[in-house]
Amino acid sequence: ANVTSTSATYTDSAWSSTDSIIISDSWAFGGDTYGYAAGGYSTTRIDKFAFSSNTTSTDHGDLSEAKNGPSGSSSTDYGFSSGGSPGVRSDVIDKFSFTSTGTATDHGDLITAVWNAAGASSSTDGYSCGGSTSSSNNVNTIEKFAFSSNTTASDHGDITVARQGVVGHSSENYGFVSAGYGGSYSNTIDKFAYSSNTTASDHGDLAYARYQPAGMSSSDNGFTAGGGEPYVDTINKFSFASNTTASDWGNLTISRQSRSGSSSTTDGFVSSGYYPTSSVIDKFSFTSSSGASDHGDLISGRRNPSGHQY
């Protein structure tokens, strides 16, 4: 996530030069330099890869526990990996620095121990949406936690239908939750406000129902890529501004579920996956529906990490 500044020039007769001043700041979800895949099935490792070059990722440290299916949120300087299933469901929120390697620190707890929840991010807070507390109990809760303080998360309303295997998307003022499984595979896109604790509203549908895809965000659109079942390689795009059915946005290089998504300001990155377990990092443009290209690999194959960007 990053902050962008808009500047204007003015000329003051008392000065001999024209100076620039910042007149507004706006928060953007996308990162500028790196993507991260944190945790996943049977691993604590945090992988880091460059947005600008096609190479194998590097080891960036470890989460405090092996988190299978955590939700990912990103502040300007830190990644937050929440919940997951290190054998049993977890309520731990891990925090790691984007700029230095090392083991993540405990940043408080979710209200409920869940896995396969969706992560979203505002400029100040992270959100964990939906998920499951057991193999037979899906939840519809949205939990909110502050990036700035280590406290237990608070209840922030509900998504429209209890389901797991969901993914999150983030605009400046709203979070979005798409896909999932709640007794049947879902194509629902939910929308909730960061500013108020209310039940989410229906924001349209994906072109295909799916489970455990990857979620990415540009400044104006959400992208849902891959997923199961059956395993698909399609990328769907939906507008943050209007409630409509998502459009086809090309294809990934391979069909997988249990992916993680990272967002730069211009491209989406989809890494890992299952079945079989994959290390591939795919890259696709937010402005062209020509499909994804191979952008390198994680250090090793895995499934169900959380995705972040810096």
Protein backbone atom coordinates (compact mmCIF):
# COMPACT_ATOMS: atom_id res chain seq x y z
CA ALA A 1 0.00 0.00 0.00
CA ASN A 2 1.20 3.51 -0.59
CA VAL A 3 0.27 7.16 -0.24
CA THR A 4 0.19 9.31 -3.35
CA SER A 5 0.44 13.09 -3.25
CA THR A 6 -1.11 15.59 -5.61
CA SER A 7 0.85 18.83 -5.97
CA ALA A 8 0.16 22.22 -7.50
CA THR A 9 2.43 25.13 -8.35
CA TYR A 10 1.97 28.73 -7.31
CA THR A 11 3.91 31.96 -7.76
CA ASP A 12 4.15 34.36 -4.82
CA SER A 13 5.23 37.90 -5.69
CA ALA A 14 7.31 37.94 -2.53
CA TRP A 15 9.43 35.11 -3.88
CA SER A 16 11.56 34.96 -6.97
CA SER A 17 10.73 31.34 -7.86
CA THR A 18 7.77 29.06 -8.40
CA ASP A 19 7.33 26.46 -5.67
CA SER A 20 5.30 23.26 -5.40
CA ILE A 21 3.04 22.54 -2.48
CA ILE A 22 1.10 19.41 -1.61
CA ILE A 23 -2.61 20.12 -1.67
CA SER A 24 -3.98 16.63 -1.08
CA ASP A 25 -2.98 13.10 -0.08
CA SER A 26 -4.72 9.90 -1.08
CA TRP A 27 -4.17 6.31 -0.07
CA ALA A 28 -3.73 3.61 -2.70
CA PHE A 29 -3.87 -0.13 -2.05
CA GLY A 30 -1.29 -1.12 -4.67
CA GLY A 31 2.42 -1.33 -3.93
CA ASP A 32 5.34 0.09 -5.89
CA THR A 33 8.18 -2.40 -5.52
CA TYR A 34 7.55 -5.84 -3.96
CA GLY A 35 4.98 -8.57 -3.46
CA TYR A 36 4.94 -11.06 -0.57
CA ALA A 37 3.51 -14.55 -0.01
CA ALA A 38 3.36 -15.31 3.72
CA GLY A 39 2.91 -18.71 5.29
CA GLY A 40 0.75 -21.39 3.75
CA TYR A 41 0.36 -25.09 4.28
CA SER A 42 3.17 -26.48 6.49
CA THR A 43 5.42 -23.42 6.21
CA THR A 44 6.18 -20.23 8.12
CA ARG A 45 8.30 -18.66 5.36
CA ILE A 46 7.59 -15.21 3.95
CA ASP A 47 8.62 -14.97 0.28
CA LYS A 48 9.44 -11.59 -1.31
CA PHE A 49 9.53 -10.93 -5.06
CA ALA A 50 10.15 -7.82 -7.15
CA PHE A 51 7.35 -6.39 -9.27
CA SER A 52 9.87 -5.13 -11.82
CA SER A 53 11.79 -8.33 -12.65
CA ASN A 54 11.05 -11.98 -13.40
CA THR A 55 13.14 -13.89 -10.86
CA THR A 56 12.82 -16.43 -8.07
CA SER A 57 11.64 -14.87 -4.81
CA THR A 58 13.88 -14.40 -1.77
CA ASP A 59 13.42 -15.46 1.85
CA HIS A 60 12.08 -12.50 3.87
CA GLY A 61 11.69 -14.16 7.26
CA ASP A 62 8.97 -16.18 8.95
CA LEU A 63 5.52 -15.94 10.48
CA SER A 64 5.16 -16.96 14.13
CA GLU A 65 3.33 -20.14 13.07
CA ALA A 66 2.66 -22.16 9.92
CA LYS A 67 -0.57 -20.54 8.75
CA ASN A 68 -2.62 -22.48 6.19
CA GLY A 69 -5.23 -20.13 4.73
CA PRO A 70 -4.58 -16.87 6.60
CA SER A 71 -6.06 -13.57 5.40
CA GLY A 72 -3.68 -10.85 4.24
CA SER A 73 -3.78 -7.10 4.89
CA SER A 74 -1.19 -4.45 4.10
CA SER A 75 -0.40 -1.06 5.61
CA THR A 76 2.13 1.37 4.17
CA ASP A 77 5.06 -0.37 5.89
CA TYR A 78 3.84 -3.70 7.27
CA GLY A 79 2.10 -6.92 6.28
CA PHE A 80 -0.51 -8.55 8.52
CA SER A 81 -1.33 -12.26 8.24
CA SER A 82 -4.42 -13.17 10.28
CA GLY A 83 -5.92 -16.47 11.38
CA GLY A 84 -5.20 -19.63 9.44
CA SER A 85 -4.93 -23.25 10.43
CA PRO A 86 -1.65 -24.47 11.91
CA GLY A 87 -3.39 -27.79 12.77
CA VAL A 88 -6.25 -26.02 14.57
CA ARG A 89 -7.87 -22.70 13.68
CA SER A 90 -5.83 -19.69 14.79
CA ASP A 91 -6.84 -16.23 16.02
CA VAL A 92 -3.30 -14.78 15.86
CA ILE A 93 -2.61 -11.62 13.82
CA ASP A 94 1.05 -11.64 12.74
CA LYS A 95 2.82 -8.42 11.73
CA PHE A 96 6.01 -8.25 9.65
CA SER A 97 8.06 -5.39 8.23
CA PHE A 98 8.22 -4.91 4.47
CA THR A 99 11.68 -3.35 4.71
CA SER A 100 13.56 -5.71 7.05
CA THR A 101 13.80 -9.49 7.37
CA GLY A 102 13.00 -11.44 10.51
CA THR A 103 10.25 -13.28 12.34
CA ALA A 104 6.83 -11.67 12.52
CA THR A 105 5.56 -10.30 15.83
CA ASP A 106 2.21 -10.87 17.52
CA HIS A 107 -0.14 -7.97 16.71
CA GLY A 108 -3.13 -9.07 18.76
CA ASP A 109 -5.92 -11.49 18.01
CA LEU A 110 -9.06 -11.93 15.98
CA ILE A 111 -12.29 -12.33 17.95
CA THR A 112 -12.78 -15.78 16.41
CA ALA A 113 -10.19 -18.31 15.27
CA VAL A 114 -10.80 -18.81 11.52
CA TRP A 115 -9.12 -19.92 8.32
CA ASN A 116 -9.90 -19.29 4.65
CA ALA A 117 -11.13 -15.76 5.39
CA ALA A 118 -10.75 -12.77 3.05
CA GLY A 119 -8.39 -9.91 3.85
CA ALA A 120 -8.98 -6.24 3.04
CA SER A 121 -7.14 -3.02 3.90
CA SER A 122 -7.99 0.62 4.43
CA SER A 123 -5.32 3.25 5.06
CA THR A 124 -5.54 2.64 8.83
CA ASP A 125 -7.08 -0.79 9.44
CA GLY A 126 -7.06 -4.42 8.37
CA TYR A 127 -10.15 -6.59 7.92
CA SER A 128 -10.76 -10.35 8.15
CA CYS A 129 -14.02 -11.36 6.44
CA GLY A 130 -15.87 -14.68 6.60
CA GLY A 131 -13.96 -17.96 6.81
CA SER A 132 -14.64 -21.09 8.83
CA THR A 133 -14.14 -22.09 12.45
CA SER A 134 -14.34 -25.81 11.60
CA SER A 135 -14.90 -28.00 8.56
CA SER A 136 -18.67 -27.66 9.03
CA ASN A 137 -19.06 -24.11 10.37
CA ASN A 138 -18.68 -21.12 8.07
CA VAL A 139 -19.01 -17.59 9.46
CA ASN A 140 -20.21 -14.26 8.02
CA THR A 141 -18.43 -11.89 10.39
CA ILE A 142 -16.22 -8.96 9.36
CA GLU A 143 -13.52 -8.20 11.93
CA LYS A 144 -11.50 -4.98 12.01
CA PHE A 145 -8.12 -4.33 13.64
CA ALA A 146 -5.96 -1.20 13.77
CA PHE A 147 -2.58 -1.19 12.04
CA SER A 148 -1.22 1.18 14.68
CA SER A 149 -1.97 -0.74 17.89
CA ASN A 150 -1.78 -4.29 19.21
CA THR A 151 -5.33 -5.05 20.34
CA THR A 152 -8.06 -7.62 19.83
CA ALA A 153 -10.07 -7.04 16.66
CA SER A 154 -13.57 -5.57 16.82
CA ASP A 155 -16.81 -6.64 15.11
CA HIS A 156 -17.39 -4.64 11.93
CA GLY A 157 -20.63 -6.17 10.66
CA ASP A 158 -21.24 -9.14 8.39
CA ILE A 159 -20.91 -10.31 4.79
CA THR A 160 -24.20 -11.29 3.13
CA VAL A 161 -23.67 -15.06 3.29
CA ALA A 162 -21.47 -17.15 5.60
CA ARG A 163 -18.76 -18.74 3.49
CA GLN A 164 -15.08 -19.72 3.43
CA GLY A 165 -12.51 -19.74 0.64
CA VAL A 166 -13.32 -16.09 -0.02
CA VAL A 167 -10.92 -13.38 -1.23
CA GLY A 168 -10.75 -9.67 -0.50
CA HIS A 169 -10.36 -6.49 -2.55
CA SER A 170 -9.72 -2.94 -1.36
CA SER A 171 -10.73 0.46 -2.69
CA GLU A 172 -10.11 3.76 -0.92
CA ASN A 173 -13.37 3.69 1.07
CA TYR A 174 -14.78 0.17 0.71
CA GLY A 175 -13.80 -3.46 1.10
CA PHE A 176 -15.08 -6.17 -1.23
CA VAL A 177 -15.37 -9.95 -0.72
CA SER A 178 -15.83 -12.34 -3.64
CA ALA A 179 -16.25 -16.08 -4.33
CA GLY A 180 -16.21 -18.75 -1.59
CA TYR A 181 -18.09 -21.82 -0.43
CA GLY A 182 -21.13 -21.77 1.83
CA GLY A 183 -22.88 -25.05 1.06
CA SER A 184 -22.37 -24.40 -2.65
CA TYR A 185 -19.73 -22.54 -4.64
CA SER A 186 -20.40 -18.80 -4.76
CA ASN A 187 -20.09 -16.07 -7.39
CA THR A 188 -21.25 -13.32 -5.00
CA ILE A 189 -19.38 -10.03 -4.64
CA ASP A 190 -20.04 -8.27 -1.31
CA LYS A 191 -19.27 -4.62 -0.55
CA PHE A 192 -18.84 -3.05 2.92
CA ALA A 193 -17.91 0.44 4.11
CA TYR A 194 -14.77 1.04 6.14
CA SER A 195 -16.48 3.91 7.95
CA SER A 196 -19.51 2.10 9.37
CA ASN A 197 -20.33 -1.19 11.08
CA THR A 198 -23.18 -2.55 8.96
CA THR A 199 -24.02 -5.66 6.96
CA ALA A 200 -22.36 -5.75 3.54
CA SER A 201 -24.45 -5.21 0.41
CA ASP A 202 -24.58 -7.37 -2.71
CA HIS A 203 -22.31 -5.77 -5.34
CA GLY A 204 -23.02 -8.08 -8.26
CA ASP A 205 -21.54 -11.40 -9.29
CA LEU A 206 -18.45 -12.99 -10.72
CA ALA A 207 -18.82 -14.56 -14.15
CA TYR A 208 -18.05 -17.95 -12.54
CA ALA A 209 -18.65 -19.35 -9.04
CA ARG A 210 -15.35 -20.39 -7.47
CA TYR A 211 -13.53 -21.29 -4.26
CA GLN A 212 -10.09 -20.19 -3.00
CA PRO A 213 -9.10 -17.92 -5.91
CA ALA A 214 -6.70 -14.96 -5.60
CA GLY A 215 -7.91 -11.39 -5.08
CA MET A 216 -6.23 -8.24 -6.43
CA SER A 217 -7.15 -4.55 -6.63
CA SER A 218 -6.40 -1.61 -8.88
CA SER A 219 -7.56 1.88 -7.95
CA ASP A 220 -10.90 1.34 -9.73
CA ASN A 221 -11.46 -2.41 -10.08
CA GLY A 222 -11.30 -5.73 -8.30
CA PHE A 223 -9.85 -8.87 -9.90
CA THR A 224 -10.60 -12.49 -8.94
CA ALA A 225 -8.27 -15.07 -10.51
CA GLY A 226 -8.17 -18.86 -10.63
CA GLY A 227 -9.87 -21.02 -7.99
CA GLY A 228 -11.83 -24.26 -7.89
CA GLU A 229 -13.80 -26.37 -8.20
CA PRO A 230 -13.22 -27.47 -10.90
CA TYR A 231 -9.85 -25.73 -11.14
CA VAL A 232 -10.04 -22.70 -13.43
CA ASP A 233 -7.54 -20.25 -14.92
CA THR A 234 -9.94 -17.38 -15.62
CA ILE A 235 -9.47 -13.82 -14.38
CA ASN A 236 -12.63 -11.83 -13.65
CA LYS A 237 -12.74 -8.02 -13.38
CA PHE A 238 -15.45 -5.98 -11.63
CA SER A 239 -15.89 -2.25 -11.09
CA PHE A 240 -15.74 -0.81 -7.58
CA ALA A 241 -18.12 1.95 -8.70
CA SER A 242 -21.04 -0.07 -10.10
CA ASN A 243 -23.02 -3.18 -9.21
CA THR A 244 -22.71 -5.39 -12.29
CA THR A 245 -21.61 -8.88 -13.28
CA ALA A 246 -17.83 -9.18 -13.62
CA SER A 247 -16.24 -9.41 -17.07
CA ASP A 248 -13.69 -11.88 -18.42
CA TRP A 249 -10.15 -10.47 -18.14
CA GLY A 250 -8.07 -13.21 -19.71
CA ASN A 251 -6.43 -16.27 -18.22
CA LEU A 252 -3.65 -17.31 -15.87
CA THR A 253 -0.84 -19.55 -17.15
CA ILE A 254 -2.11 -22.50 -15.06
CA SER A 255 -5.39 -23.57 -13.43
CA ARG A 256 -5.10 -23.71 -9.64
CA GLN A 257 -6.93 -22.90 -6.41
CA SER A 258 -5.44 -21.86 -3.04
CA ARG A 259 -3.61 -18.93 -4.61
CA SER A 260 -2.40 -15.65 -3.06
CA GLY A 261 -2.79 -12.25 -4.69
CA SER A 262 -0.57 -9.15 -4.60
CA SER A 263 -1.26 -5.82 -6.30
CA SER A 264 1.10 -3.25 -7.71
CA THR A 265 -0.32 0.04 -8.98
CA THR A 266 -0.36 -1.35 -12.54
CA ASP A 267 -0.47 -5.16 -12.36
CA GLY A 268 -1.85 -8.12 -10.46
CA PHE A 269 0.37 -10.99 -9.26
CA VAL A 270 -0.94 -14.48 -8.49
CA SER A 271 1.39 -16.89 -6.70
CA SER A 272 1.41 -20.47 -5.36
CA GLY A 273 -1.55 -22.81 -5.79
CA TYR A 274 -2.95 -26.32 -5.60
CA TYR A 275 -3.52 -28.98 -7.24
CA PRO A 276 -0.77 -29.99 -7.75
CA THR A 277 1.18 -27.66 -5.49
CA SER A 278 2.69 -24.79 -7.49
CA SER A 279 5.47 -22.21 -7.08
CA VAL A 280 4.52 -20.16 -10.15
CA ILE A 281 4.07 -16.37 -9.94
CA ASP A 282 1.75 -15.06 -12.67
CA LYS A 283 1.55 -11.39 -13.68
CA PHE A 284 -1.30 -9.69 -15.52
CA SER A 285 -2.03 -6.09 -16.48
CA PHE A 286 -4.82 -4.08 -14.87
CA THR A 287 -5.30 -2.20 -18.16
CA SER A 288 -5.15 -4.99 -20.76
CA SER A 289 -7.16 -8.24 -20.85
CA SER A 290 -4.46 -10.14 -22.74
CA GLY A 291 -3.93 -12.63 -19.89
CA ALA A 292 -1.09 -13.45 -17.53
CA SER A 293 2.59 -14.14 -18.15
CA ASP A 294 5.05 -16.14 -16.05
CA HIS A 295 6.80 -13.79 -13.58
CA GLY A 296 9.13 -16.24 -11.87
CA ASP A 297 8.67 -18.56 -8.92
CA LEU A 298 8.42 -18.71 -5.18
CA ILE A 299 11.35 -20.45 -3.46
CA SER A 300 9.24 -23.62 -3.32
CA GLY A 301 5.69 -24.68 -4.10
CA ARG A 302 2.98 -24.10 -1.54
CA ARG A 303 -0.72 -23.49 -1.15
CA ASN A 304 -2.83 -21.01 0.81
CA PRO A 305 -0.38 -18.26 1.81
CA SER A 306 -1.54 -14.68 2.39
CA GLY A 307 -0.68 -12.03 -0.20
CA HIS A 308 0.77 -8.55 0.45
CA GLN A 309 2.44 -5.67 -1.37
CA TYR A 310 4.80 -2.77 -0.68
